[in-house]
Amino acid sequence: MEWKVDASDVLLTPDQVADRLNVSVDWVRDHSSRKNPRLPVIRLGGGPGRKGLLRYRAKEIEKFIAGLERMSAGRALQ
């Protein structure tokens, strides 16, 4: 079976997200669970007390960046 997936719908790894945001993988992991701003994450596998795999939709990461830009622009106007 061949999947036809839009590039914005691709699931990214924590390493890929870290590269896109120019931050460390630890930052990505921290902001996927407990810190603000919180990254939109998909958890695969795992269970109570288990971390599982973290994946991120490319389009949601771009929305995350756009939201931070809006927040930054709003602060600059104050």
N, C-alpha and C. Protein backbone atom coordinates (compact mmCIF):
# COMPACT_ATOMS: atom_id res chain seq x y z
N MET A 1 0.84 -1.17 0.00
CA MET A 1 0.00 0.00 0.00
C MET A 1 0.89 1.24 0.00
N GLU A 2 0.55 2.21 -0.82
CA GLU A 2 1.30 3.46 -0.88
C GLU A 2 0.50 4.56 -0.20
N TRP A 3 1.14 5.25 0.76
CA TRP A 3 0.49 6.34 1.47
C TRP A 3 0.71 7.65 0.73
N LYS A 4 -0.34 8.42 0.61
CA LYS A 4 -0.22 9.76 0.03
C LYS A 4 -0.41 10.75 1.17
N VAL A 5 0.71 11.27 1.67
CA VAL A 5 0.68 12.14 2.84
C VAL A 5 1.17 13.52 2.44
N ASP A 6 0.42 14.52 2.84
CA ASP A 6 0.83 15.91 2.64
C ASP A 6 2.08 16.16 3.50
N ALA A 7 3.02 16.89 2.97
CA ALA A 7 4.28 17.15 3.70
C ALA A 7 4.03 17.82 5.05
N SER A 8 2.98 18.62 5.17
CA SER A 8 2.70 19.29 6.44
C SER A 8 2.10 18.34 7.47
N ASP A 9 1.72 17.13 7.02
CA ASP A 9 1.09 16.16 7.91
C ASP A 9 2.08 15.08 8.37
N VAL A 10 3.33 15.21 7.97
CA VAL A 10 4.37 14.24 8.32
C VAL A 10 4.62 14.28 9.82
N LEU A 11 4.90 13.13 10.41
CA LEU A 11 5.27 13.07 11.82
C LEU A 11 6.78 13.20 11.96
N LEU A 12 7.19 14.13 12.80
CA LEU A 12 8.61 14.42 13.03
C LEU A 12 9.07 13.81 14.35
N THR A 13 10.34 13.49 14.42
CA THR A 13 10.95 13.00 15.65
C THR A 13 11.38 14.19 16.52
N PRO A 14 11.67 13.96 17.79
CA PRO A 14 12.20 15.04 18.63
C PRO A 14 13.47 15.67 18.05
N ASP A 15 14.34 14.87 17.44
CA ASP A 15 15.56 15.41 16.82
C ASP A 15 15.22 16.36 15.68
N GLN A 16 14.24 16.00 14.86
CA GLN A 16 13.86 16.85 13.74
C GLN A 16 13.24 18.16 14.21
N VAL A 17 12.43 18.08 15.26
CA VAL A 17 11.82 19.29 15.81
C VAL A 17 12.89 20.18 16.42
N ALA A 18 13.84 19.58 17.13
CA ALA A 18 14.93 20.36 17.71
C ALA A 18 15.71 21.10 16.62
N ASP A 19 15.97 20.42 15.52
CA ASP A 19 16.66 21.07 14.39
C ASP A 19 15.85 22.23 13.84
N ARG A 20 14.54 22.01 13.68
CA ARG A 20 13.67 23.06 13.11
C ARG A 20 13.62 24.28 14.01
N LEU A 21 13.57 24.05 15.33
CA LEU A 21 13.47 25.16 16.28
C LEU A 21 14.83 25.70 16.72
N ASN A 22 15.90 25.00 16.32
CA ASN A 22 17.26 25.37 16.71
C ASN A 22 17.41 25.38 18.24
N VAL A 23 16.91 24.30 18.85
CA VAL A 23 17.01 24.10 20.29
C VAL A 23 17.54 22.68 20.53
N SER A 24 17.77 22.34 21.78
CA SER A 24 18.23 20.99 22.10
C SER A 24 17.06 20.00 22.12
N VAL A 25 17.40 18.74 21.99
CA VAL A 25 16.39 17.69 22.08
C VAL A 25 15.80 17.67 23.49
N ASP A 26 16.60 17.97 24.50
CA ASP A 26 16.09 18.04 25.87
C ASP A 26 15.03 19.12 26.00
N TRP A 27 15.23 20.27 25.34
CA TRP A 27 14.24 21.35 25.36
C TRP A 27 12.93 20.85 24.75
N VAL A 28 13.03 20.15 23.62
CA VAL A 28 11.83 19.62 22.96
C VAL A 28 11.11 18.66 23.90
N ARG A 29 11.83 17.76 24.52
CA ARG A 29 11.19 16.80 25.44
C ARG A 29 10.55 17.52 26.63
N ASP A 30 11.25 18.49 27.21
CA ASP A 30 10.70 19.24 28.34
C ASP A 30 9.41 19.97 27.95
N HIS A 31 9.40 20.56 26.78
CA HIS A 31 8.25 21.36 26.35
C HIS A 31 7.16 20.50 25.70
N SER A 32 7.35 19.20 25.72
CA SER A 32 6.32 18.28 25.25
C SER A 32 5.46 17.78 26.39
N SER A 33 5.85 18.09 27.61
CA SER A 33 5.09 17.55 28.73
C SER A 33 4.79 18.56 29.82
N ARG A 34 5.77 19.30 30.28
CA ARG A 34 5.51 20.05 31.50
C ARG A 34 5.81 21.55 31.44
N LYS A 35 6.55 22.00 30.47
CA LYS A 35 6.94 23.41 30.46
C LYS A 35 6.15 24.20 29.42
N ASN A 36 6.06 25.50 29.66
CA ASN A 36 5.43 26.39 28.70
C ASN A 36 6.51 27.16 27.99
N PRO A 37 6.35 27.43 26.71
CA PRO A 37 5.21 27.05 25.87
C PRO A 37 5.24 25.56 25.57
N ARG A 38 4.08 24.95 25.55
CA ARG A 38 3.97 23.51 25.39
C ARG A 38 3.86 23.12 23.92
N LEU A 39 4.71 22.20 23.51
CA LEU A 39 4.67 21.70 22.13
C LEU A 39 3.53 20.69 21.96
N PRO A 40 2.83 20.75 20.83
CA PRO A 40 1.79 19.75 20.55
C PRO A 40 2.45 18.42 20.18
N VAL A 41 2.21 17.40 20.96
CA VAL A 41 2.91 16.12 20.81
C VAL A 41 1.93 14.98 20.64
N ILE A 42 2.38 13.93 19.96
CA ILE A 42 1.65 12.67 19.84
C ILE A 42 2.51 11.63 20.51
N ARG A 43 1.95 10.92 21.48
CA ARG A 43 2.69 9.88 22.19
C ARG A 43 2.29 8.53 21.62
N LEU A 44 3.28 7.78 21.17
CA LEU A 44 3.05 6.45 20.62
C LEU A 44 3.54 5.42 21.62
N GLY A 45 2.68 4.49 21.97
CA GLY A 45 3.07 3.45 22.90
C GLY A 45 3.17 3.99 24.31
N GLY A 46 3.90 3.28 25.10
CA GLY A 46 4.03 3.68 26.49
C GLY A 46 2.78 3.31 27.27
N GLY A 47 2.68 3.80 28.44
CA GLY A 47 1.56 3.54 29.33
C GLY A 47 1.85 4.23 30.64
N PRO A 48 1.09 3.91 31.66
CA PRO A 48 1.36 4.55 32.96
C PRO A 48 2.82 4.36 33.37
N GLY A 49 3.51 5.47 33.60
CA GLY A 49 4.90 5.41 34.02
C GLY A 49 5.89 5.13 32.91
N ARG A 50 5.40 5.01 31.66
CA ARG A 50 6.31 4.75 30.52
C ARG A 50 6.20 5.91 29.54
N LYS A 51 7.32 6.30 28.99
CA LYS A 51 7.34 7.48 28.13
C LYS A 51 6.82 7.22 26.73
N GLY A 52 7.16 6.11 26.12
CA GLY A 52 6.77 5.87 24.74
C GLY A 52 7.54 6.76 23.78
N LEU A 53 7.16 6.72 22.53
CA LEU A 53 7.81 7.54 21.50
C LEU A 53 7.06 8.85 21.35
N LEU A 54 7.80 9.92 21.10
CA LEU A 54 7.21 11.23 20.87
C LEU A 54 7.29 11.56 19.39
N ARG A 55 6.18 12.02 18.83
CA ARG A 55 6.14 12.46 17.44
C ARG A 55 5.35 13.76 17.36
N TYR A 56 5.64 14.54 16.33
CA TYR A 56 5.06 15.87 16.18
C TYR A 56 4.63 16.07 14.73
N ARG A 57 3.41 16.56 14.52
CA ARG A 57 2.96 16.88 13.16
C ARG A 57 3.67 18.15 12.71
N ALA A 58 4.23 18.11 11.52
CA ALA A 58 4.97 19.27 10.99
C ALA A 58 4.09 20.52 10.99
N LYS A 59 2.83 20.39 10.59
CA LYS A 59 1.96 21.57 10.52
C LYS A 59 1.69 22.15 11.91
N GLU A 60 1.65 21.30 12.93
CA GLU A 60 1.43 21.80 14.29
C GLU A 60 2.66 22.52 14.82
N ILE A 61 3.84 22.08 14.43
CA ILE A 61 5.06 22.77 14.83
C ILE A 61 5.11 24.15 14.16
N GLU A 62 4.68 24.23 12.90
CA GLU A 62 4.65 25.53 12.22
C GLU A 62 3.63 26.47 12.88
N LYS A 63 2.50 25.93 13.32
CA LYS A 63 1.51 26.74 14.06
C LYS A 63 2.10 27.22 15.39
N PHE A 64 2.85 26.34 16.04
CA PHE A 64 3.51 26.69 17.30
C PHE A 64 4.45 27.87 17.09
N ILE A 65 5.24 27.81 16.03
CA ILE A 65 6.17 28.91 15.71
C ILE A 65 5.40 30.19 15.43
N ALA A 66 4.34 30.12 14.65
CA ALA A 66 3.53 31.29 14.31
C ALA A 66 2.93 31.90 15.58
N GLY A 67 2.48 31.06 16.50
CA GLY A 67 1.92 31.57 17.76
C GLY A 67 2.95 32.31 18.58
N LEU A 68 4.17 31.79 18.63
CA LEU A 68 5.24 32.48 19.35
C LEU A 68 5.58 33.81 18.70
N GLU A 69 5.54 33.83 17.37
CA GLU A 69 5.80 35.09 16.66
C GLU A 69 4.74 36.13 16.99
N ARG A 70 3.47 35.71 17.05
CA ARG A 70 2.39 36.64 17.39
C ARG A 70 2.57 37.16 18.81
N MET A 71 2.92 36.26 19.73
CA MET A 71 3.14 36.68 21.13
C MET A 71 4.29 37.67 21.22
N SER A 72 5.36 37.40 20.50
CA SER A 72 6.53 38.29 20.51
C SER A 72 6.18 39.66 19.94
N ALA A 73 5.43 39.65 18.85
CA ALA A 73 5.03 40.92 18.22
C ALA A 73 4.13 41.73 19.16
N GLY A 74 3.25 41.04 19.87
CA GLY A 74 2.37 41.72 20.82
C GLY A 74 3.12 42.36 21.96
N ARG A 75 4.15 41.68 22.43
CA ARG A 75 4.98 42.24 23.50
C ARG A 75 5.77 43.43 23.02
N ALA A 76 6.19 43.41 21.77
CA ALA A 76 6.98 44.51 21.22
C ALA A 76 6.14 45.78 21.11
N LEU A 77 4.83 45.64 20.95
CA LEU A 77 3.95 46.79 20.82
C LEU A 77 3.63 47.43 22.17
N GLN A 78 3.88 46.72 23.24
CA GLN A 78 3.52 47.25 24.56
C GLN A 78 4.55 48.20 25.09
